[in-house]
Amino acid sequence: MRRIGAAAALGITVGGLLAGCTAAGAAVPAQSAAPAGPAKDGTYSATGDYDTPGGPESVHVTLSVASGIVRSVQVTGSGGTPNAQHYEAAFESGIAGVVVGKKLAGLTVGAVSGSSLTGAGFDAALNAIRSEAAK
């Protein structure tokens, strides 16, 4: 019983710290990865890395943004293996239908055209683009 109680107390303490509470229990505003300002119109590029069973890969993303909306997208994968080339090509062929016309703020993608890992690299590039577009 004591072990369960101690573990539960520890879980509450750790959970409180992770939730951004001070030692006195007062709430602290959560830090946000989102840029402070709206996206400026323009064309932005970034490269995002991601892991695959065959090793690390990356995708280079170029987005055009107008009024905070993605107007066009181009993705080029690094394709270090035939398998990566296959999935990156599938991702590249379907990504415009997923992101064009969407708000850049908060945009993330998952699996696109059967490619489930490439989206992680795309999202990493999006984070860099959002930061640049907010400057």
N, C-alpha and C. Protein backbone atom coordinates (compact mmCIF):
# COMPACT_ATOMS: atom_id res chain seq x y z
N MET A 1 0.81 -1.19 0.00
CA MET A 1 0.00 0.00 0.00
C MET A 1 0.86 1.26 0.00
N ARG A 2 1.91 1.27 0.79
CA ARG A 2 2.74 2.47 0.85
C ARG A 2 3.39 2.76 -0.49
N ARG A 3 3.81 1.74 -1.19
CA ARG A 3 4.43 1.96 -2.50
C ARG A 3 3.45 2.58 -3.47
N ILE A 4 2.23 2.12 -3.47
CA ILE A 4 1.22 2.68 -4.36
C ILE A 4 0.96 4.13 -4.00
N GLY A 5 0.84 4.42 -2.70
CA GLY A 5 0.61 5.79 -2.27
C GLY A 5 1.76 6.70 -2.64
N ALA A 6 3.01 6.24 -2.45
CA ALA A 6 4.18 7.05 -2.80
C ALA A 6 4.25 7.27 -4.30
N ALA A 7 3.97 6.22 -5.07
CA ALA A 7 3.99 6.36 -6.53
C ALA A 7 2.91 7.32 -7.00
N ALA A 8 1.74 7.24 -6.38
CA ALA A 8 0.67 8.15 -6.76
C ALA A 8 1.04 9.58 -6.41
N ALA A 9 1.64 9.79 -5.23
CA ALA A 9 2.07 11.13 -4.85
C ALA A 9 3.13 11.65 -5.80
N LEU A 10 4.08 10.80 -6.16
CA LEU A 10 5.11 11.19 -7.11
C LEU A 10 4.49 11.55 -8.45
N GLY A 11 3.53 10.76 -8.90
CA GLY A 11 2.86 11.04 -10.17
C GLY A 11 2.16 12.37 -10.16
N ILE A 12 1.53 12.70 -9.05
CA ILE A 12 0.84 13.98 -8.93
C ILE A 12 1.87 15.11 -8.96
N THR A 13 2.97 14.95 -8.24
CA THR A 13 4.00 15.98 -8.20
C THR A 13 4.60 16.18 -9.58
N VAL A 14 5.00 15.10 -10.23
CA VAL A 14 5.57 15.21 -11.57
C VAL A 14 4.55 15.77 -12.53
N GLY A 15 3.32 15.30 -12.45
CA GLY A 15 2.27 15.82 -13.34
C GLY A 15 2.07 17.30 -13.14
N GLY A 16 2.11 17.78 -11.89
CA GLY A 16 1.97 19.20 -11.62
C GLY A 16 3.10 20.00 -12.24
N LEU A 17 4.32 19.48 -12.15
CA LEU A 17 5.46 20.18 -12.74
C LEU A 17 5.36 20.21 -14.25
N LEU A 18 4.94 19.11 -14.85
CA LEU A 18 4.81 19.07 -16.29
C LEU A 18 3.69 19.96 -16.79
N ALA A 19 2.69 20.17 -15.99
CA ALA A 19 1.57 21.00 -16.40
C ALA A 19 1.90 22.48 -16.28
N GLY A 20 3.07 22.82 -15.72
CA GLY A 20 3.48 24.21 -15.64
C GLY A 20 3.03 24.90 -14.37
N CYS A 21 2.93 24.17 -13.27
CA CYS A 21 2.54 24.76 -12.00
C CYS A 21 3.79 25.10 -11.21
N THR A 22 3.70 26.14 -10.40
CA THR A 22 4.79 26.49 -9.51
C THR A 22 4.70 25.63 -8.27
N ALA A 23 5.70 25.72 -7.41
CA ALA A 23 5.71 24.93 -6.18
C ALA A 23 4.51 25.27 -5.31
N ALA A 24 4.04 26.51 -5.37
CA ALA A 24 2.89 26.93 -4.57
C ALA A 24 1.58 26.52 -5.22
N GLY A 25 1.64 25.97 -6.41
CA GLY A 25 0.43 25.49 -7.08
C GLY A 25 -0.21 26.50 -8.00
N ALA A 26 0.37 27.68 -8.16
CA ALA A 26 -0.19 28.68 -9.07
C ALA A 26 0.12 28.29 -10.50
N ALA A 27 -0.83 28.48 -11.37
CA ALA A 27 -0.65 28.12 -12.78
C ALA A 27 0.33 29.07 -13.45
N VAL A 28 1.14 28.52 -14.33
CA VAL A 28 2.08 29.30 -15.12
C VAL A 28 1.65 29.15 -16.57
N PRO A 29 1.59 30.22 -17.35
CA PRO A 29 1.19 30.09 -18.75
C PRO A 29 2.11 29.12 -19.48
N ALA A 30 1.51 28.25 -20.29
CA ALA A 30 2.28 27.28 -21.05
C ALA A 30 3.06 27.98 -22.16
N GLN A 31 4.27 27.49 -22.42
CA GLN A 31 5.07 28.02 -23.52
C GLN A 31 4.53 27.47 -24.82
N SER A 32 4.45 28.29 -25.84
CA SER A 32 3.92 27.88 -27.12
C SER A 32 5.02 27.89 -28.17
N ALA A 33 5.03 26.90 -29.04
CA ALA A 33 5.99 26.86 -30.12
C ALA A 33 5.53 27.71 -31.30
N ALA A 34 4.29 28.18 -31.26
CA ALA A 34 3.75 28.96 -32.37
C ALA A 34 4.35 30.35 -32.36
N PRO A 35 4.61 30.92 -33.54
CA PRO A 35 5.15 32.27 -33.60
C PRO A 35 4.15 33.29 -33.05
N ALA A 36 4.68 34.41 -32.59
CA ALA A 36 3.85 35.42 -31.95
C ALA A 36 2.97 36.19 -32.93
N GLY A 37 3.40 36.35 -34.15
CA GLY A 37 2.65 37.18 -35.09
C GLY A 37 2.08 36.39 -36.25
N PRO A 38 1.26 37.06 -37.05
CA PRO A 38 0.70 36.39 -38.22
C PRO A 38 1.78 36.18 -39.29
N ALA A 39 1.55 35.20 -40.13
CA ALA A 39 2.50 34.91 -41.20
C ALA A 39 2.48 36.03 -42.24
N LYS A 40 3.67 36.47 -42.60
CA LYS A 40 3.79 37.47 -43.64
C LYS A 40 3.69 36.79 -44.99
N ASP A 41 3.09 37.47 -45.96
CA ASP A 41 3.00 36.93 -47.31
C ASP A 41 4.40 36.69 -47.86
N GLY A 42 4.56 35.61 -48.61
CA GLY A 42 5.85 35.32 -49.22
C GLY A 42 6.02 33.85 -49.52
N THR A 43 7.20 33.53 -50.00
CA THR A 43 7.56 32.15 -50.29
C THR A 43 8.68 31.76 -49.35
N TYR A 44 8.51 30.64 -48.68
CA TYR A 44 9.43 30.19 -47.64
C TYR A 44 9.88 28.77 -47.92
N SER A 45 11.12 28.48 -47.53
CA SER A 45 11.67 27.13 -47.71
C SER A 45 12.37 26.67 -46.44
N ALA A 46 12.29 25.38 -46.18
CA ALA A 46 12.98 24.78 -45.05
C ALA A 46 13.11 23.28 -45.31
N THR A 47 14.04 22.67 -44.63
CA THR A 47 14.23 21.22 -44.71
C THR A 47 13.90 20.61 -43.36
N GLY A 48 13.16 19.51 -43.39
CA GLY A 48 12.79 18.80 -42.17
C GLY A 48 13.32 17.39 -42.21
N ASP A 49 13.92 16.97 -41.12
CA ASP A 49 14.48 15.62 -41.00
C ASP A 49 13.47 14.68 -40.35
N TYR A 50 13.56 13.41 -40.71
CA TYR A 50 12.71 12.39 -40.08
C TYR A 50 13.42 11.05 -40.15
N ASP A 51 13.00 10.13 -39.29
CA ASP A 51 13.62 8.82 -39.22
C ASP A 51 12.77 7.76 -39.91
N THR A 52 13.44 6.83 -40.55
CA THR A 52 12.79 5.68 -41.19
C THR A 52 13.52 4.41 -40.73
N PRO A 53 12.93 3.25 -40.97
CA PRO A 53 13.64 2.02 -40.65
C PRO A 53 14.95 1.88 -41.43
N GLY A 54 15.05 2.53 -42.59
CA GLY A 54 16.26 2.47 -43.40
C GLY A 54 17.28 3.54 -43.04
N GLY A 55 16.96 4.39 -42.08
CA GLY A 55 17.89 5.44 -41.67
C GLY A 55 17.26 6.82 -41.79
N PRO A 56 18.01 7.85 -41.44
CA PRO A 56 17.47 9.21 -41.48
C PRO A 56 17.25 9.70 -42.92
N GLU A 57 16.20 10.46 -43.08
CA GLU A 57 15.85 11.06 -44.36
C GLU A 57 15.46 12.51 -44.12
N SER A 58 15.23 13.26 -45.18
CA SER A 58 14.78 14.63 -45.04
C SER A 58 13.93 15.02 -46.24
N VAL A 59 13.13 16.05 -46.04
CA VAL A 59 12.34 16.62 -47.14
C VAL A 59 12.55 18.12 -47.14
N HIS A 60 12.68 18.66 -48.33
CA HIS A 60 12.79 20.10 -48.51
C HIS A 60 11.41 20.61 -48.92
N VAL A 61 10.92 21.60 -48.19
CA VAL A 61 9.57 22.12 -48.41
C VAL A 61 9.64 23.59 -48.80
N THR A 62 8.91 23.95 -49.84
CA THR A 62 8.76 25.34 -50.23
C THR A 62 7.27 25.64 -50.25
N LEU A 63 6.88 26.68 -49.50
CA LEU A 63 5.47 27.10 -49.41
C LEU A 63 5.32 28.54 -49.82
N SER A 64 4.25 28.85 -50.52
CA SER A 64 3.85 30.23 -50.75
C SER A 64 2.66 30.51 -49.86
N VAL A 65 2.72 31.63 -49.15
CA VAL A 65 1.69 32.00 -48.19
C VAL A 65 1.16 33.39 -48.55
N ALA A 66 -0.15 33.53 -48.53
CA ALA A 66 -0.80 34.83 -48.73
C ALA A 66 -1.96 34.92 -47.75
N SER A 67 -2.01 36.01 -47.00
CA SER A 67 -3.06 36.23 -45.99
C SER A 67 -3.14 35.07 -45.00
N GLY A 68 -1.98 34.47 -44.68
CA GLY A 68 -1.93 33.38 -43.71
C GLY A 68 -2.36 32.03 -44.25
N ILE A 69 -2.67 31.97 -45.55
CA ILE A 69 -3.15 30.73 -46.19
C ILE A 69 -2.08 30.18 -47.11
N VAL A 70 -1.88 28.86 -47.07
CA VAL A 70 -0.94 28.21 -47.98
C VAL A 70 -1.53 28.24 -49.38
N ARG A 71 -0.82 28.86 -50.30
CA ARG A 71 -1.29 28.99 -51.69
C ARG A 71 -0.67 27.96 -52.62
N SER A 72 0.56 27.52 -52.30
CA SER A 72 1.20 26.46 -53.10
C SER A 72 2.24 25.77 -52.24
N VAL A 73 2.59 24.56 -52.63
CA VAL A 73 3.57 23.77 -51.89
C VAL A 73 4.37 22.92 -52.87
N GLN A 74 5.64 22.78 -52.57
CA GLN A 74 6.51 21.88 -53.32
C GLN A 74 7.36 21.13 -52.31
N VAL A 75 7.45 19.83 -52.46
CA VAL A 75 8.23 18.99 -51.55
C VAL A 75 9.20 18.16 -52.38
N THR A 76 10.46 18.13 -51.92
CA THR A 76 11.48 17.30 -52.56
C THR A 76 12.14 16.47 -51.48
N GLY A 77 12.04 15.15 -51.61
CA GLY A 77 12.63 14.26 -50.63
C GLY A 77 14.09 13.97 -50.92
N SER A 78 14.79 13.51 -49.89
CA SER A 78 16.21 13.17 -50.05
C SER A 78 16.38 11.79 -50.68
N GLY A 79 15.41 10.90 -50.46
CA GLY A 79 15.37 9.59 -51.11
C GLY A 79 16.66 8.81 -51.08
N GLY A 80 17.18 8.50 -49.90
CA GLY A 80 18.43 7.76 -49.79
C GLY A 80 18.32 6.29 -50.14
N THR A 81 17.12 5.75 -50.11
CA THR A 81 16.91 4.33 -50.45
C THR A 81 15.73 4.23 -51.41
N PRO A 82 15.63 3.12 -52.15
CA PRO A 82 14.47 2.97 -53.04
C PRO A 82 13.14 3.04 -52.29
N ASN A 83 13.10 2.48 -51.09
CA ASN A 83 11.88 2.52 -50.29
C ASN A 83 11.53 3.97 -49.94
N ALA A 84 12.51 4.73 -49.49
CA ALA A 84 12.28 6.14 -49.15
C ALA A 84 11.84 6.91 -50.39
N GLN A 85 12.46 6.65 -51.52
CA GLN A 85 12.08 7.33 -52.76
C GLN A 85 10.62 7.06 -53.10
N HIS A 86 10.19 5.82 -52.92
CA HIS A 86 8.81 5.43 -53.21
C HIS A 86 7.83 6.22 -52.34
N TYR A 87 8.07 6.21 -51.02
CA TYR A 87 7.14 6.88 -50.11
C TYR A 87 7.20 8.40 -50.22
N GLU A 88 8.38 8.94 -50.46
CA GLU A 88 8.48 10.39 -50.63
C GLU A 88 7.76 10.82 -51.90
N ALA A 89 7.87 10.04 -52.97
CA ALA A 89 7.16 10.37 -54.21
C ALA A 89 5.65 10.34 -53.99
N ALA A 90 5.17 9.35 -53.24
CA ALA A 90 3.74 9.28 -52.93
C ALA A 90 3.32 10.50 -52.12
N PHE A 91 4.11 10.87 -51.14
CA PHE A 91 3.83 12.05 -50.31
C PHE A 91 3.79 13.31 -51.17
N GLU A 92 4.80 13.47 -52.01
CA GLU A 92 4.90 14.64 -52.88
C GLU A 92 3.68 14.76 -53.80
N SER A 93 3.17 13.62 -54.27
CA SER A 93 2.04 13.67 -55.20
C SER A 93 0.72 14.04 -54.52
N GLY A 94 0.62 13.85 -53.22
CA GLY A 94 -0.65 14.12 -52.55
C GLY A 94 -0.67 15.29 -51.60
N ILE A 95 0.48 15.90 -51.31
CA ILE A 95 0.53 16.92 -50.27
C ILE A 95 -0.23 18.20 -50.63
N ALA A 96 -0.23 18.59 -51.88
CA ALA A 96 -0.93 19.83 -52.25
C ALA A 96 -2.41 19.74 -51.89
N GLY A 97 -3.03 18.59 -52.10
CA GLY A 97 -4.44 18.41 -51.77
C GLY A 97 -4.73 18.49 -50.29
N VAL A 98 -3.70 18.32 -49.46
CA VAL A 98 -3.87 18.34 -48.02
C VAL A 98 -3.64 19.73 -47.43
N VAL A 99 -2.69 20.50 -47.99
CA VAL A 99 -2.31 21.76 -47.34
C VAL A 99 -2.70 23.03 -48.09
N VAL A 100 -2.83 22.98 -49.40
CA VAL A 100 -3.17 24.20 -50.15
C VAL A 100 -4.59 24.64 -49.77
N GLY A 101 -4.70 25.92 -49.43
CA GLY A 101 -5.98 26.47 -49.02
C GLY A 101 -6.19 26.44 -47.51
N LYS A 102 -5.24 25.87 -46.78
CA LYS A 102 -5.34 25.77 -45.32
C LYS A 102 -4.53 26.90 -44.67
N LYS A 103 -4.89 27.25 -43.43
CA LYS A 103 -4.14 28.23 -42.67
C LYS A 103 -2.79 27.65 -42.29
N LEU A 104 -1.74 28.44 -42.43
CA LEU A 104 -0.40 28.01 -42.03
C LEU A 104 -0.33 27.81 -40.52
N ALA A 105 -0.97 28.69 -39.78
CA ALA A 105 -0.95 28.60 -38.32
C ALA A 105 -1.60 27.28 -37.89
N GLY A 106 -0.86 26.50 -37.14
CA GLY A 106 -1.40 25.25 -36.60
C GLY A 106 -1.47 24.09 -37.57
N LEU A 107 -1.04 24.29 -38.81
CA LEU A 107 -1.11 23.23 -39.81
C LEU A 107 -0.13 22.10 -39.49
N THR A 108 -0.62 20.88 -39.51
CA THR A 108 0.22 19.68 -39.40
C THR A 108 -0.36 18.63 -40.34
N VAL A 109 0.46 17.70 -40.73
CA VAL A 109 -0.03 16.62 -41.58
C VAL A 109 0.35 15.29 -40.94
N GLY A 110 -0.35 14.27 -41.32
CA GLY A 110 -0.03 12.91 -40.90
C GLY A 110 0.36 12.13 -42.14
N ALA A 111 -0.23 10.97 -42.30
CA ALA A 111 0.03 10.16 -43.47
C ALA A 111 -0.60 10.82 -44.69
N VAL A 112 0.15 10.86 -45.77
CA VAL A 112 -0.34 11.42 -47.03
C VAL A 112 -0.03 10.41 -48.12
N SER A 113 -1.05 10.00 -48.85
CA SER A 113 -0.90 9.06 -49.96
C SER A 113 -0.17 7.78 -49.55
N GLY A 114 -0.43 7.30 -48.34
CA GLY A 114 0.18 6.07 -47.86
C GLY A 114 1.55 6.24 -47.26
N SER A 115 2.08 7.45 -47.26
CA SER A 115 3.38 7.71 -46.66
C SER A 115 3.18 8.24 -45.26
N SER A 116 3.49 7.42 -44.26
CA SER A 116 3.20 7.81 -42.88
C SER A 116 4.37 8.46 -42.17
N LEU A 117 5.60 8.28 -42.60
CA LEU A 117 6.76 8.84 -41.90
C LEU A 117 7.19 10.19 -42.47
N THR A 118 7.01 10.41 -43.75
CA THR A 118 7.46 11.64 -44.39
C THR A 118 6.80 12.87 -43.78
N GLY A 119 5.58 12.71 -43.28
CA GLY A 119 4.86 13.82 -42.65
C GLY A 119 5.61 14.41 -41.47
N ALA A 120 6.38 13.61 -40.76
CA ALA A 120 7.15 14.13 -39.62
C ALA A 120 8.21 15.12 -40.11
N GLY A 121 8.86 14.82 -41.21
CA GLY A 121 9.84 15.75 -41.79
C GLY A 121 9.15 16.99 -42.33
N PHE A 122 7.99 16.81 -42.94
CA PHE A 122 7.22 17.94 -43.46
C PHE A 122 6.82 18.86 -42.31
N ASP A 123 6.33 18.29 -41.20
CA ASP A 123 5.93 19.09 -40.05
C ASP A 123 7.11 19.84 -39.44
N ALA A 124 8.28 19.21 -39.41
CA ALA A 124 9.48 19.89 -38.91
C ALA A 124 9.82 21.09 -39.79
N ALA A 125 9.71 20.92 -41.10
CA ALA A 125 9.95 22.03 -42.02
C ALA A 125 8.90 23.12 -41.83
N LEU A 126 7.63 22.71 -41.61
CA LEU A 126 6.57 23.70 -41.37
C LEU A 126 6.86 24.55 -40.14
N ASN A 127 7.37 23.95 -39.09
CA ASN A 127 7.71 24.71 -37.89
C ASN A 127 8.74 25.78 -38.19
N ALA A 128 9.75 25.43 -38.96
CA ALA A 128 10.79 26.40 -39.33
C ALA A 128 10.19 27.49 -40.23
N ILE A 129 9.31 27.12 -41.13
CA ILE A 129 8.68 28.09 -42.03
C ILE A 129 7.79 29.04 -41.24
N ARG A 130 7.01 28.51 -40.29
CA ARG A 130 6.16 29.38 -39.47
C ARG A 130 6.99 30.41 -38.71
N SER A 131 8.11 29.97 -38.17
CA SER A 131 8.99 30.89 -37.44
C SER A 131 9.52 31.98 -38.36
N GLU A 132 9.95 31.60 -39.53
CA GLU A 132 10.48 32.57 -40.50
C GLU A 132 9.37 33.52 -40.96
N ALA A 133 8.20 33.00 -41.21
CA ALA A 133 7.09 33.82 -41.72
C ALA A 133 6.57 34.81 -40.68
N ALA A 134 6.85 34.56 -39.43
CA ALA A 134 6.38 35.45 -38.36
C ALA A 134 7.34 36.60 -38.09
N LYS A 135 8.54 36.55 -38.66
CA LYS A 135 9.55 37.60 -38.41
C LYS A 135 9.19 38.89 -39.11
